[in-house]
C-alpha atoms as a PDB file:
ATOM      1  CA  MET A   1      16.074  -5.535 -10.774  1.00  0.00           C
ATOM      2  CA  GLU A   2      18.782  -7.613  -9.113  1.00  0.00           C
ATOM      3  CA  ILE A   3      17.891 -10.843  -7.362  1.00  0.00           C
ATOM      4  CA  SER A   4      20.451 -10.018  -4.651  1.00  0.00           C
ATOM      5  CA  ARG A   5      18.367  -6.977  -3.694  1.00  0.00           C
ATOM      6  CA  PHE A   6      15.177  -9.033  -3.358  1.00  0.00           C
ATOM      7  CA  LYS A   7      17.079 -11.445  -1.114  1.00  0.00           C
ATOM      8  CA  GLY A   8      18.666  -8.573   0.780  1.00  0.00           C
ATOM      9  CA  CYS A   9      15.270  -6.999   1.420  1.00  0.00           C
ATOM     10  CA  LEU A  10      13.557 -10.083   2.868  1.00  0.00           C
ATOM     11  CA  LEU A  11      16.582 -11.281   4.803  1.00  0.00           C
ATOM     12  CA  GLY A  12      17.296  -7.724   5.957  1.00  0.00           C
ATOM     13  CA  THR A  13      13.788  -7.513   7.372  1.00  0.00           C
ATOM     14  CA  ALA A  14      14.141 -10.759   9.304  1.00  0.00           C
ATOM     15  CA  ILE A  15      17.602  -9.834  10.600  1.00  0.00           C
ATOM     16  CA  GLY A  16      16.518  -6.345  11.676  1.00  0.00           C
ATOM     17  CA  ASP A  17      13.522  -7.907  13.391  1.00  0.00           C
ATOM     18  CA  SER A  18      15.674 -10.495  15.192  1.00  0.00           C
ATOM     19  CA  LEU A  19      18.253  -7.860  16.099  1.00  0.00           C
ATOM     20  CA  GLY A  20      15.588  -5.722  17.786  1.00  0.00           C
ATOM     21  CA  ALA A  21      13.534  -8.495  19.385  1.00  0.00           C
ATOM     22  CA  GLY A  22      13.751  -8.221  23.155  1.00  0.00           C
ATOM     23  CA  ARG A  23      15.528  -4.872  22.980  1.00  0.00           C
ATOM     24  CA  GLU A  24      12.557  -2.553  23.388  1.00  0.00           C
ATOM     25  CA  GLY A  25      14.349   0.063  25.440  1.00  0.00           C
ATOM     26  CA  SER A  26      17.314   2.412  25.408  1.00  0.00           C
ATOM     27  CA  PHE A  27      20.883   1.146  25.465  1.00  0.00           C
ATOM     28  CA  ASP A  28      24.333   1.931  24.156  1.00  0.00           C
ATOM     29  CA  ILE A  29      24.773   1.437  20.419  1.00  0.00           C
ATOM     30  CA  SER A  30      27.883  -0.716  20.985  1.00  0.00           C
ATOM     31  CA  GLU A  31      25.696  -3.354  22.650  1.00  0.00           C
ATOM     32  CA  VAL A  32      23.663  -4.042  19.506  1.00  0.00           C
ATOM     33  CA  ARG A  33      25.734  -6.300  17.278  1.00  0.00           C
ATOM     34  CA  ASP A  34      24.302  -9.809  17.441  1.00  0.00           C
ATOM     35  CA  ILE A  35      20.909 -11.006  16.330  1.00  0.00           C
ATOM     36  CA  GLY A  36      18.756 -13.275  18.444  1.00  0.00           C
ATOM     37  CA  SER A  37      17.760 -16.743  17.353  1.00  0.00           C
ATOM     38  CA  ARG A  38      14.168 -15.883  16.385  1.00  0.00           C
ATOM     39  CA  TYR A  39      12.198 -13.324  14.427  1.00  0.00           C
ATOM     40  CA  THR A  40       8.740 -12.061  15.412  1.00  0.00           C
ATOM     41  CA  ASP A  41       5.344 -11.461  13.807  1.00  0.00           C
ATOM     42  CA  ASP A  42       6.914  -8.703  11.680  1.00  0.00           C
ATOM     43  CA  THR A  43       8.764 -11.284   9.605  1.00  0.00           C
ATOM     44  CA  ALA A  44       6.056 -13.928   9.877  1.00  0.00           C
ATOM     45  CA  MET A  45       3.547 -11.582   8.233  1.00  0.00           C
ATOM     46  CA  LEU A  46       6.091 -10.406   5.660  1.00  0.00           C
ATOM     47  CA  ILE A  47       6.560 -14.065   4.722  1.00  0.00           C
ATOM     48  CA  GLY A  48       2.780 -14.330   4.327  1.00  0.00           C
ATOM     49  CA  ILE A  49       2.668 -11.383   1.925  1.00  0.00           C
ATOM     50  CA  ALA A  50       5.508 -12.814  -0.170  1.00  0.00           C
ATOM     51  CA  GLU A  51       3.862 -16.251  -0.259  1.00  0.00           C
ATOM     52  CA  SER A  52       0.574 -14.744  -1.405  1.00  0.00           C
ATOM     53  CA  LEU A  53       2.140 -12.567  -4.125  1.00  0.00           C
ATOM     54  CA  ILE A  54       3.884 -15.667  -5.460  1.00  0.00           C
ATOM     55  CA  ASN A  55       0.774 -17.869  -5.279  1.00  0.00           C
ATOM     56  CA  SER A  56      -1.475 -15.317  -6.981  1.00  0.00           C
ATOM     57  CA  ARG A  57       1.179 -13.710  -9.190  1.00  0.00           C
ATOM     58  CA  GLY A  58       0.158 -10.405  -7.658  1.00  0.00           C
ATOM     59  CA  PHE A  59      -2.255  -9.170  -5.010  1.00  0.00           C
ATOM     60  CA  ASN A  60      -5.254 -11.296  -4.029  1.00  0.00           C
ATOM     61  CA  GLY A  61      -6.917 -10.227  -0.789  1.00  0.00           C
ATOM     62  CA  ASP A  62      -8.712 -13.505  -0.127  1.00  0.00           C
ATOM     63  CA  ASP A  63      -5.502 -15.469  -0.540  1.00  0.00           C
ATOM     64  CA  MET A  64      -3.425 -13.044   1.538  1.00  0.00           C
ATOM     65  CA  ALA A  65      -5.872 -13.078   4.443  1.00  0.00           C
ATOM     66  CA  GLU A  66      -6.054 -16.881   4.288  1.00  0.00           C
ATOM     67  CA  ILE A  67      -2.262 -17.164   4.437  1.00  0.00           C
ATOM     68  CA  PHE A  68      -2.044 -14.688   7.325  1.00  0.00           C
ATOM     69  CA  ILE A  69      -4.494 -16.849   9.263  1.00  0.00           C
ATOM     70  CA  LYS A  70      -2.791 -20.131   8.364  1.00  0.00           C
ATOM     71  CA  ASN A  71       0.638 -18.825   9.379  1.00  0.00           C
ATOM     72  CA  TYR A  72      -0.721 -17.382  12.624  1.00  0.00           C
ATOM     73  CA  LEU A  73      -2.424 -20.653  13.596  1.00  0.00           C
ATOM     74  CA  ARG A  74       0.808 -22.544  12.921  1.00  0.00           C
ATOM     75  CA  GLU A  75       2.970 -20.136  14.940  1.00  0.00           C
ATOM     76  CA  PRO A  76       0.781 -18.061  17.270  1.00  0.00           C
ATOM     77  CA  TRP A  77       3.758 -17.493  19.588  1.00  0.00           C
ATOM     78  CA  ARG A  78       5.539 -15.094  17.216  1.00  0.00           C
ATOM     79  CA  GLY A  79       4.488 -12.083  19.294  1.00  0.00           C
ATOM     80  CA  TYR A  80       1.373 -10.904  17.472  1.00  0.00           C
ATOM     81  CA  GLY A  81      -0.309  -7.813  18.838  1.00  0.00           C
ATOM     82  CA  TRP A  82      -3.771  -7.777  20.357  1.00  0.00           C
ATOM     83  CA  GLY A  83      -5.708  -6.903  17.209  1.00  0.00           C
ATOM     84  CA  PRO A  84      -4.713  -9.196  14.306  1.00  0.00           C
ATOM     85  CA  PRO A  85      -5.649 -12.514  15.981  1.00  0.00           C
ATOM     86  CA  ARG A  86      -9.125 -11.121  16.707  1.00  0.00           C
ATOM     87  CA  ILE A  87      -9.480  -9.996  13.106  1.00  0.00           C
ATOM     88  CA  PHE A  88      -8.308 -13.409  11.898  1.00  0.00           C
ATOM     89  CA  ASN A  89     -10.962 -14.990  14.103  1.00  0.00           C
ATOM     90  CA  MET A  90     -13.662 -12.756  12.575  1.00  0.00           C
ATOM     91  CA  ILE A  91     -12.630 -13.863   9.098  1.00  0.00           C
ATOM     92  CA  LEU A  92     -12.218 -17.538   9.950  1.00  0.00           C
ATOM     93  CA  LYS A  93     -15.118 -18.174  12.315  1.00  0.00           C
ATOM     94  CA  ASP A  94     -17.580 -15.376  11.558  1.00  0.00           C
ATOM     95  CA  ARG A  95     -16.969 -15.570   7.797  1.00  0.00           C
ATOM     96  CA  ARG A  96     -16.329 -11.867   7.529  1.00  0.00           C
ATOM     97  CA  ARG A  97     -14.577 -10.460   4.447  1.00  0.00           C
ATOM     98  CA  TRP A  98     -10.942  -9.318   4.560  1.00  0.00           C
ATOM     99  CA  ASP A  99     -11.843  -5.880   3.164  1.00  0.00           C
ATOM    100  CA  GLU A 100     -14.528  -4.934   5.712  1.00  0.00           C
ATOM    101  CA  MET A 101     -12.012  -2.864   7.726  1.00  0.00           C
ATOM    102  CA  LEU A 102     -12.627  -5.085  10.704  1.00  0.00           C
ATOM    103  CA  ASP A 103     -10.094  -3.244  12.854  1.00  0.00           C
ATOM    104  CA  LYS A 104     -12.642  -0.418  13.213  1.00  0.00           C
ATOM    105  CA  GLU A 105     -14.682  -2.746  15.383  1.00  0.00           C
ATOM    106  CA  LEU A 106     -11.693  -3.035  17.734  1.00  0.00           C
ATOM    107  CA  TYR A 107     -10.249   0.487  17.548  1.00  0.00           C
ATOM    108  CA  PRO A 108     -12.296   3.676  17.032  1.00  0.00           C
ATOM    109  CA  GLY A 109     -11.369   4.954  13.586  1.00  0.00           C
ATOM    110  CA  GLY A 110      -9.220   1.922  12.889  1.00  0.00           C
ATOM    111  CA  SER A 111      -5.724   0.944  13.992  1.00  0.00           C
ATOM    112  CA  PHE A 112      -2.927   3.461  13.333  1.00  0.00           C
ATOM    113  CA  GLY A 113      -0.189   1.080  14.450  1.00  0.00           C
ATOM    114  CA  ASN A 114       2.777   0.003  12.332  1.00  0.00           C
ATOM    115  CA  GLY A 115       1.522  -3.534  11.722  1.00  0.00           C
ATOM    116  CA  ALA A 116       0.824  -2.899   8.038  1.00  0.00           C
ATOM    117  CA  ALA A 117       4.114  -1.079   7.417  1.00  0.00           C
ATOM    118  CA  MET A 118       6.256  -3.734   9.107  1.00  0.00           C
ATOM    119  CA  ARG A 119       5.172  -6.445   6.649  1.00  0.00           C
ATOM    120  CA  ILE A 120       4.730  -4.459   3.421  1.00  0.00           C
ATOM    121  CA  ALA A 121       8.216  -4.774   1.873  1.00  0.00           C
ATOM    122  CA  PRO A 122       7.415  -7.600  -0.615  1.00  0.00           C
ATOM    123  CA  ILE A 123       4.782  -5.339  -2.172  1.00  0.00           C
ATOM    124  CA  GLY A 124       7.374  -2.576  -2.493  1.00  0.00           C
ATOM    125  CA  LEU A 125       9.594  -5.053  -4.354  1.00  0.00           C
ATOM    126  CA  PHE A 126       6.900  -6.556  -6.542  1.00  0.00           C
ATOM    127  CA  TYR A 127       5.416  -3.222  -7.666  1.00  0.00           C
ATOM    128  CA  TYR A 128       8.644  -1.202  -7.611  1.00  0.00           C
ATOM    129  CA  ASP A 129       8.110  -0.020 -11.186  1.00  0.00           C
ATOM    130  CA  GLU A 130       4.360   0.686 -10.874  1.00  0.00           C
ATOM    131  CA  PRO A 131       3.985   3.566  -8.367  1.00  0.00           C
ATOM    132  CA  GLU A 132       0.246   4.097  -8.814  1.00  0.00           C
ATOM    133  CA  LYS A 133      -0.506   0.403  -8.552  1.00  0.00           C
ATOM    134  CA  LEU A 134       1.827   0.261  -5.571  1.00  0.00           C
ATOM    135  CA  ARG A 135      -0.304   2.738  -3.662  1.00  0.00           C
ATOM    136  CA  ASP A 136      -3.512   0.870  -4.499  1.00  0.00           C
ATOM    137  CA  VAL A 137      -2.131  -2.539  -3.508  1.00  0.00           C
ATOM    138  CA  VAL A 138      -0.619  -1.181  -0.276  1.00  0.00           C
ATOM    139  CA  HIS A 139      -4.040   0.203   0.642  1.00  0.00           C
ATOM    140  CA  LYS A 140      -5.748  -3.141   0.028  1.00  0.00           C
ATOM    141  CA  ALA A 141      -3.082  -5.188   1.809  1.00  0.00           C
ATOM    142  CA  SER A 142      -3.110  -2.825   4.805  1.00  0.00           C
ATOM    143  CA  ILE A 143      -6.854  -2.743   5.474  1.00  0.00           C
ATOM    144  CA  ILE A 144      -6.911  -6.451   6.262  1.00  0.00           C
ATOM    145  CA  THR A 145      -5.777  -5.375   9.737  1.00  0.00           C
ATOM    146  CA  HIS A 146      -5.053  -1.600   9.644  1.00  0.00           C
ATOM    147  CA  SER A 147      -7.493   0.854   8.054  1.00  0.00           C
ATOM    148  CA  HIS A 148      -6.555   4.157   9.690  1.00  0.00           C
ATOM    149  CA  GLU A 149      -5.154   6.738   7.264  1.00  0.00           C
ATOM    150  CA  LEU A 150      -1.920   7.046   9.246  1.00  0.00           C
ATOM    151  CA  ALA A 151      -1.338   3.294   9.165  1.00  0.00           C
ATOM    152  CA  ILE A 152      -2.001   3.062   5.434  1.00  0.00           C
ATOM    153  CA  GLU A 153       0.126   6.090   4.539  1.00  0.00           C
ATOM    154  CA  GLY A 154       2.941   4.784   6.717  1.00  0.00           C
ATOM    155  CA  ALA A 155       2.763   1.431   4.936  1.00  0.00           C
ATOM    156  CA  PHE A 156       2.833   3.209   1.585  1.00  0.00           C
ATOM    157  CA  LEU A 157       5.892   5.287   2.495  1.00  0.00           C
ATOM    158  CA  GLN A 158       7.686   2.171   3.724  1.00  0.00           C
ATOM    159  CA  ALA A 159       6.809   0.271   0.535  1.00  0.00           C
ATOM    160  CA  TYR A 160       7.766   3.228  -1.633  1.00  0.00           C
ATOM    161  CA  ALA A 161      11.097   3.566   0.182  1.00  0.00           C
ATOM    162  CA  VAL A 162      11.751  -0.115  -0.593  1.00  0.00           C
ATOM    163  CA  SER A 163      10.806   0.432  -4.242  1.00  0.00           C
ATOM    164  CA  LEU A 164      13.148   3.426  -4.498  1.00  0.00           C
ATOM    165  CA  ALA A 165      15.965   1.515  -2.806  1.00  0.00           C
ATOM    166  CA  VAL A 166      15.675  -1.532  -5.072  1.00  0.00           C
ATOM    167  CA  SER A 167      15.608   0.747  -8.137  1.00  0.00           C
ATOM    168  CA  GLU A 168      18.720   2.771  -7.249  1.00  0.00           C
ATOM    169  CA  SER A 169      21.420   2.284  -9.873  1.00  0.00           C
ATOM    170  CA  GLY A 170      23.913   5.057  -9.176  1.00  0.00           C
ATOM    171  CA  PRO A 171      27.293   4.462  -7.527  1.00  0.00           C
ATOM    172  CA  GLU A 172      26.268   6.463  -4.454  1.00  0.00           C
ATOM    173  CA  LEU A 173      22.917   7.161  -2.824  1.00  0.00           C
ATOM    174  CA  ASP A 174      21.697  10.757  -3.080  1.00  0.00           C
ATOM    175  CA  ARG A 175      19.993  10.917   0.312  1.00  0.00           C
ATOM    176  CA  TYR A 176      18.289  14.234  -0.283  1.00  0.00           C
ATOM    177  CA  GLN A 177      16.927  13.218  -3.674  1.00  0.00           C
ATOM    178  CA  PHE A 178      15.640   9.986  -2.096  1.00  0.00           C
ATOM    179  CA  LEU A 179      13.974  12.026   0.629  1.00  0.00           C
ATOM    180  CA  GLN A 180      12.548  14.488  -1.900  1.00  0.00           C
ATOM    181  CA  LYS A 181      10.855  11.642  -3.780  1.00  0.00           C
ATOM    182  CA  LEU A 182       9.263  10.484  -0.541  1.00  0.00           C
ATOM    183  CA  LYS A 183       8.033  14.023   0.165  1.00  0.00           C
ATOM    184  CA  GLU A 184       6.499  14.288  -3.285  1.00  0.00           C
ATOM    185  CA  SER A 185       4.747  10.948  -2.902  1.00  0.00           C
ATOM    186  CA  THR A 186       3.037  11.445   0.459  1.00  0.00           C
ATOM    187  CA  ARG A 187      -0.562  12.611   0.661  1.00  0.00           C
ATOM    188  CA  ASN A 188      -0.587  13.166   4.397  1.00  0.00           C
ATOM    189  CA  ARG A 189       0.494  16.364   6.166  1.00  0.00           C
ATOM    190  CA  GLU A 190       1.714  14.631   9.292  1.00  0.00           C
ATOM    191  CA  TYR A 191       4.127  12.459   7.353  1.00  0.00           C
ATOM    192  CA  LEU A 192       5.223  15.406   5.231  1.00  0.00           C
ATOM    193  CA  LYS A 193       6.138  17.277   8.427  1.00  0.00           C
ATOM    194  CA  LYS A 194       8.221  14.338   9.620  1.00  0.00           C
ATOM    195  CA  LEU A 195      10.005  14.074   6.268  1.00  0.00           C
ATOM    196  CA  GLN A 196      10.785  17.796   6.346  1.00  0.00           C
ATOM    197  CA  ILE A 197      12.185  17.477   9.875  1.00  0.00           C
ATOM    198  CA  MET A 198      14.184  14.467   8.696  1.00  0.00           C
ATOM    199  CA  GLU A 199      16.048  16.625   6.189  1.00  0.00           C
ATOM    200  CA  ASP A 200      17.240  18.946   8.971  1.00  0.00           C
ATOM    201  CA  LEU A 201      18.207  16.000  11.172  1.00  0.00           C
ATOM    202  CA  LEU A 202      20.273  14.517   8.338  1.00  0.00           C
ATOM    203  CA  LYS A 203      22.126  17.781   7.783  1.00  0.00           C
ATOM    204  CA  ASP A 204      22.901  18.151  11.484  1.00  0.00           C
ATOM    205  CA  LYS A 205      23.731  14.456  12.063  1.00  0.00           C
ATOM    206  CA  ALA A 206      21.492  14.839  15.097  1.00  0.00           C
ATOM    207  CA  GLU A 207      21.988  12.923  18.325  1.00  0.00           C
ATOM    208  CA  ARG A 208      19.739   9.917  18.778  1.00  0.00           C
ATOM    209  CA  ILE A 209      17.749  11.520  21.568  1.00  0.00           C
ATOM    210  CA  LYS A 210      16.763  14.312  19.175  1.00  0.00           C
ATOM    211  CA  VAL A 211      15.852  11.793  16.462  1.00  0.00           C
ATOM    212  CA  ILE A 212      13.604   9.958  18.918  1.00  0.00           C
ATOM    213  CA  LYS A 213      12.014  13.230  20.021  1.00  0.00           C
ATOM    214  CA  TYR A 214      11.114  14.388  16.511  1.00  0.00           C
ATOM    215  CA  LEU A 215      10.673  11.163  14.526  1.00  0.00           C
ATOM    216  CA  GLY A 216       9.592   8.796  17.312  1.00  0.00           C
ATOM    217  CA  ASN A 217      10.297   5.168  18.163  1.00  0.00           C
ATOM    218  CA  GLY A 218       6.826   3.914  19.110  1.00  0.00           C
ATOM    219  CA  ILE A 219       4.350   1.364  17.814  1.00  0.00           C
ATOM    220  CA  GLU A 220       2.360   3.959  15.847  1.00  0.00           C
ATOM    221  CA  ALA A 221       3.186   4.033  12.136  1.00  0.00           C
ATOM    222  CA  LEU A 222       3.748   7.796  12.292  1.00  0.00           C
ATOM    223  CA  ASN A 223       6.297   7.293  15.073  1.00  0.00           C
ATOM    224  CA  SER A 224       8.244   4.413  13.558  1.00  0.00           C
ATOM    225  CA  VAL A 225       8.217   4.508   9.738  1.00  0.00           C
ATOM    226  CA  PRO A 226      10.066   7.870   9.645  1.00  0.00           C
ATOM    227  CA  ALA A 227      12.606   6.527  12.163  1.00  0.00           C
ATOM    228  CA  ALA A 228      13.257   3.505   9.930  1.00  0.00           C
ATOM    229  CA  ILE A 229      13.714   5.621   6.817  1.00  0.00           C
ATOM    230  CA  TYR A 230      16.049   7.946   8.702  1.00  0.00           C
ATOM    231  CA  SER A 231      18.084   5.025  10.054  1.00  0.00           C
ATOM    232  CA  PHE A 232      18.734   3.943   6.464  1.00  0.00           C
ATOM    233  CA  LEU A 233      19.538   7.417   5.164  1.00  0.00           C
ATOM    234  CA  VAL A 234      21.834   8.570   7.971  1.00  0.00           C
ATOM    235  CA  ASN A 235      24.225   5.611   7.693  1.00  0.00           C
ATOM    236  CA  ASP A 236      26.591   4.408   4.984  1.00  0.00           C
ATOM    237  CA  ASP A 237      26.155   0.642   5.139  1.00  0.00           C
ATOM    238  CA  LEU A 238      23.608  -1.997   6.014  1.00  0.00           C
ATOM    239  CA  GLU A 239      25.081  -3.136   9.302  1.00  0.00           C
ATOM    240  CA  GLU A 240      25.325   0.367  10.723  1.00  0.00           C
ATOM    241  CA  SER A 241      21.789   1.173   9.535  1.00  0.00           C
ATOM    242  CA  LEU A 242      20.330  -1.793  11.423  1.00  0.00           C
ATOM    243  CA  VAL A 243      22.394  -1.268  14.557  1.00  0.00           C
ATOM    244  CA  TYR A 244      21.382   2.401  14.580  1.00  0.00           C
ATOM    245  CA  ALA A 245      17.687   1.571  14.073  1.00  0.00           C
ATOM    246  CA  VAL A 246      17.605  -0.875  16.966  1.00  0.00           C
ATOM    247  CA  SER A 247      19.584   1.513  19.187  1.00  0.00           C
ATOM    248  CA  LEU A 248      16.694   3.985  18.983  1.00  0.00           C
ATOM    249  CA  GLY A 249      14.872   1.686  21.392  1.00  0.00           C
ATOM    250  CA  GLY A 250      11.086   1.731  21.661  1.00  0.00           C
ATOM    251  CA  ASP A 251       9.551  -0.656  19.130  1.00  0.00           C
ATOM    252  CA  ALA A 252      13.037  -1.818  18.210  1.00  0.00           C
ATOM    253  CA  ASP A 253      12.160  -5.039  16.380  1.00  0.00           C
ATOM    254  CA  THR A 254       9.745  -3.312  14.003  1.00  0.00           C
ATOM    255  CA  ILE A 255      11.965  -0.284  13.374  1.00  0.00           C
ATOM    256  CA  GLY A 256      14.819  -2.726  12.795  1.00  0.00           C
ATOM    257  CA  ALA A 257      12.703  -4.822  10.431  1.00  0.00           C
ATOM    258  CA  MET A 258      11.597  -1.831   8.357  1.00  0.00           C
ATOM    259  CA  THR A 259      15.124  -0.429   8.205  1.00  0.00           C
ATOM    260  CA  GLY A 260      16.416  -3.856   7.194  1.00  0.00           C
ATOM    261  CA  ALA A 261      13.915  -4.025   4.352  1.00  0.00           C
ATOM    262  CA  ILE A 262      15.013  -0.692   2.879  1.00  0.00           C
ATOM    263  CA  ALA A 263      18.735  -1.194   3.474  1.00  0.00           C
ATOM    264  CA  GLY A 264      18.591  -4.768   2.176  1.00  0.00           C
ATOM    265  CA  ALA A 265      16.801  -3.640  -0.977  1.00  0.00           C
ATOM    266  CA  TYR A 266      19.521  -1.069  -1.587  1.00  0.00           C
ATOM    267  CA  TYR A 267      22.705  -2.933  -0.603  1.00  0.00           C
ATOM    268  CA  GLY A 268      21.681  -6.498  -1.492  1.00  0.00           C
ATOM    269  CA  ILE A 269      22.416  -9.783   0.261  1.00  0.00           C
ATOM    270  CA  GLY A 270      26.158  -9.453  -0.305  1.00  0.00           C
ATOM    271  CA  LYS A 271      26.399  -6.626   2.227  1.00  0.00           C
ATOM    272  CA  ILE A 272      24.675  -8.496   5.056  1.00  0.00           C
ATOM    273  CA  PRO A 273      27.236  -9.748   7.596  1.00  0.00           C
ATOM    274  CA  ILE A 274      27.712 -13.498   7.283  1.00  0.00           C
ATOM    275  CA  ARG A 275      27.464 -13.959  11.058  1.00  0.00           C
ATOM    276  CA  TRP A 276      23.913 -12.554  10.923  1.00  0.00           C
ATOM    277  CA  ILE A 277      22.853 -14.711   7.971  1.00  0.00           C
ATOM    278  CA  GLU A 278      24.202 -17.866   9.608  1.00  0.00           C
ATOM    279  CA  ARG A 279      22.287 -17.257  12.846  1.00  0.00           C
ATOM    280  CA  LEU A 280      18.961 -16.352  11.252  1.00  0.00           C
ATOM    281  CA  GLU A 281      16.294 -19.010  11.690  1.00  0.00           C
ATOM    282  CA  ASN A 282      14.469 -20.195   8.563  1.00  0.00           C
ATOM    283  CA  ARG A 283      17.072 -18.352   6.497  1.00  0.00           C
ATOM    284  CA  GLN A 284      17.050 -20.734   3.524  1.00  0.00           C
ATOM    285  CA  TYR A 285      13.263 -20.577   3.186  1.00  0.00           C
ATOM    286  CA  ILE A 286      13.248 -16.762   3.311  1.00  0.00           C
ATOM    287  CA  GLU A 287      16.020 -16.572   0.728  1.00  0.00           C
ATOM    288  CA  ASN A 288      14.198 -19.027  -1.552  1.00  0.00           C
ATOM    289  CA  LEU A 289      11.003 -17.025  -1.112  1.00  0.00           C
ATOM    290  CA  ALA A 290      12.822 -13.890  -2.289  1.00  0.00           C
ATOM    291  CA  GLU A 291      14.146 -15.759  -5.315  1.00  0.00           C
ATOM    292  CA  ARG A 292      10.679 -17.008  -6.223  1.00  0.00           C
ATOM    293  CA  LEU A 293       9.204 -13.517  -5.800  1.00  0.00           C
ATOM    294  CA  TRP A 294      11.916 -12.141  -8.089  1.00  0.00           C
ATOM    295  CA  GLN A 295      11.183 -14.869 -10.657  1.00  0.00           C
ATOM    296  CA  VAL A 296       7.439 -14.197 -10.686  1.00  0.00           C
ATOM    297  CA  LYS A 297       8.080 -10.467 -11.117  1.00  0.00           C
ATOM    298  CA  ARG A 298      10.562 -11.083 -13.915  1.00  0.00           C
ATOM    299  CA  ASP A 299       8.130 -13.401 -15.717  1.00  0.00           C
ATOM    300  CA  LYS A 300       5.399 -10.760 -15.551  1.00  0.00           C
ATOM    301  CA  LYS A 301       7.540  -8.018 -17.085  1.00  0.00           C
END
């Protein structure tokens, strides 16, 4: 459990988010090399999860929802989607509970977007060595805003990918073993299909247009989490993973953020280009947050 990997994961998320912000479309991969000056709600909510895990020394739904609301009210301009602010208002003004699956009152069957997956990385870090608890905590942290099965399972796969990445100790990543562990962990057929397709895409080094066709690049968890995992697996370093993720277009900031979380957890802060770290807003706070999260986890072991 290296502190550099905790830092790499949180900073990688923010950098991937900033790299993709404003690039929701298709463009040449050579154009995607410099991050913007700001991150979006993806990183803002990830910060909230990390802050809550540190405050409560683990998951506490009341605290996490309160921090989400506080951070949103302080920076409502981060690009939040339509649903979360309305859910925050229900909790704050209507005194509703965080675990009432309030999104079902906004979306029939609940939201299946990637809003839970985009922020879940700190939970993947904190519970990296407790896979059963990881699934339970991901479920609870997701339903604050996203209660659809596809949203929750996508968040779990993203968190589990982070936990696998931060645990890797070998000199070289075995991509197919990594993918096999993800297949064995999923409880949803739709995600299993995507992971099976991913194996074929990896073997063929498929063109991006084919990756987009079969894995997706949209705002739905099912159409973005697999793309993020693939972006990590198909490349050999952190920079190329993030550039590739953003070049898929679509929901580029979120796919970039999720890829950055996995790649950062695997490669560590030392493999993040200095030019990206220097440009990232709030970088010192995010790095300190990762260090504190690592310390709390170490103290609990």
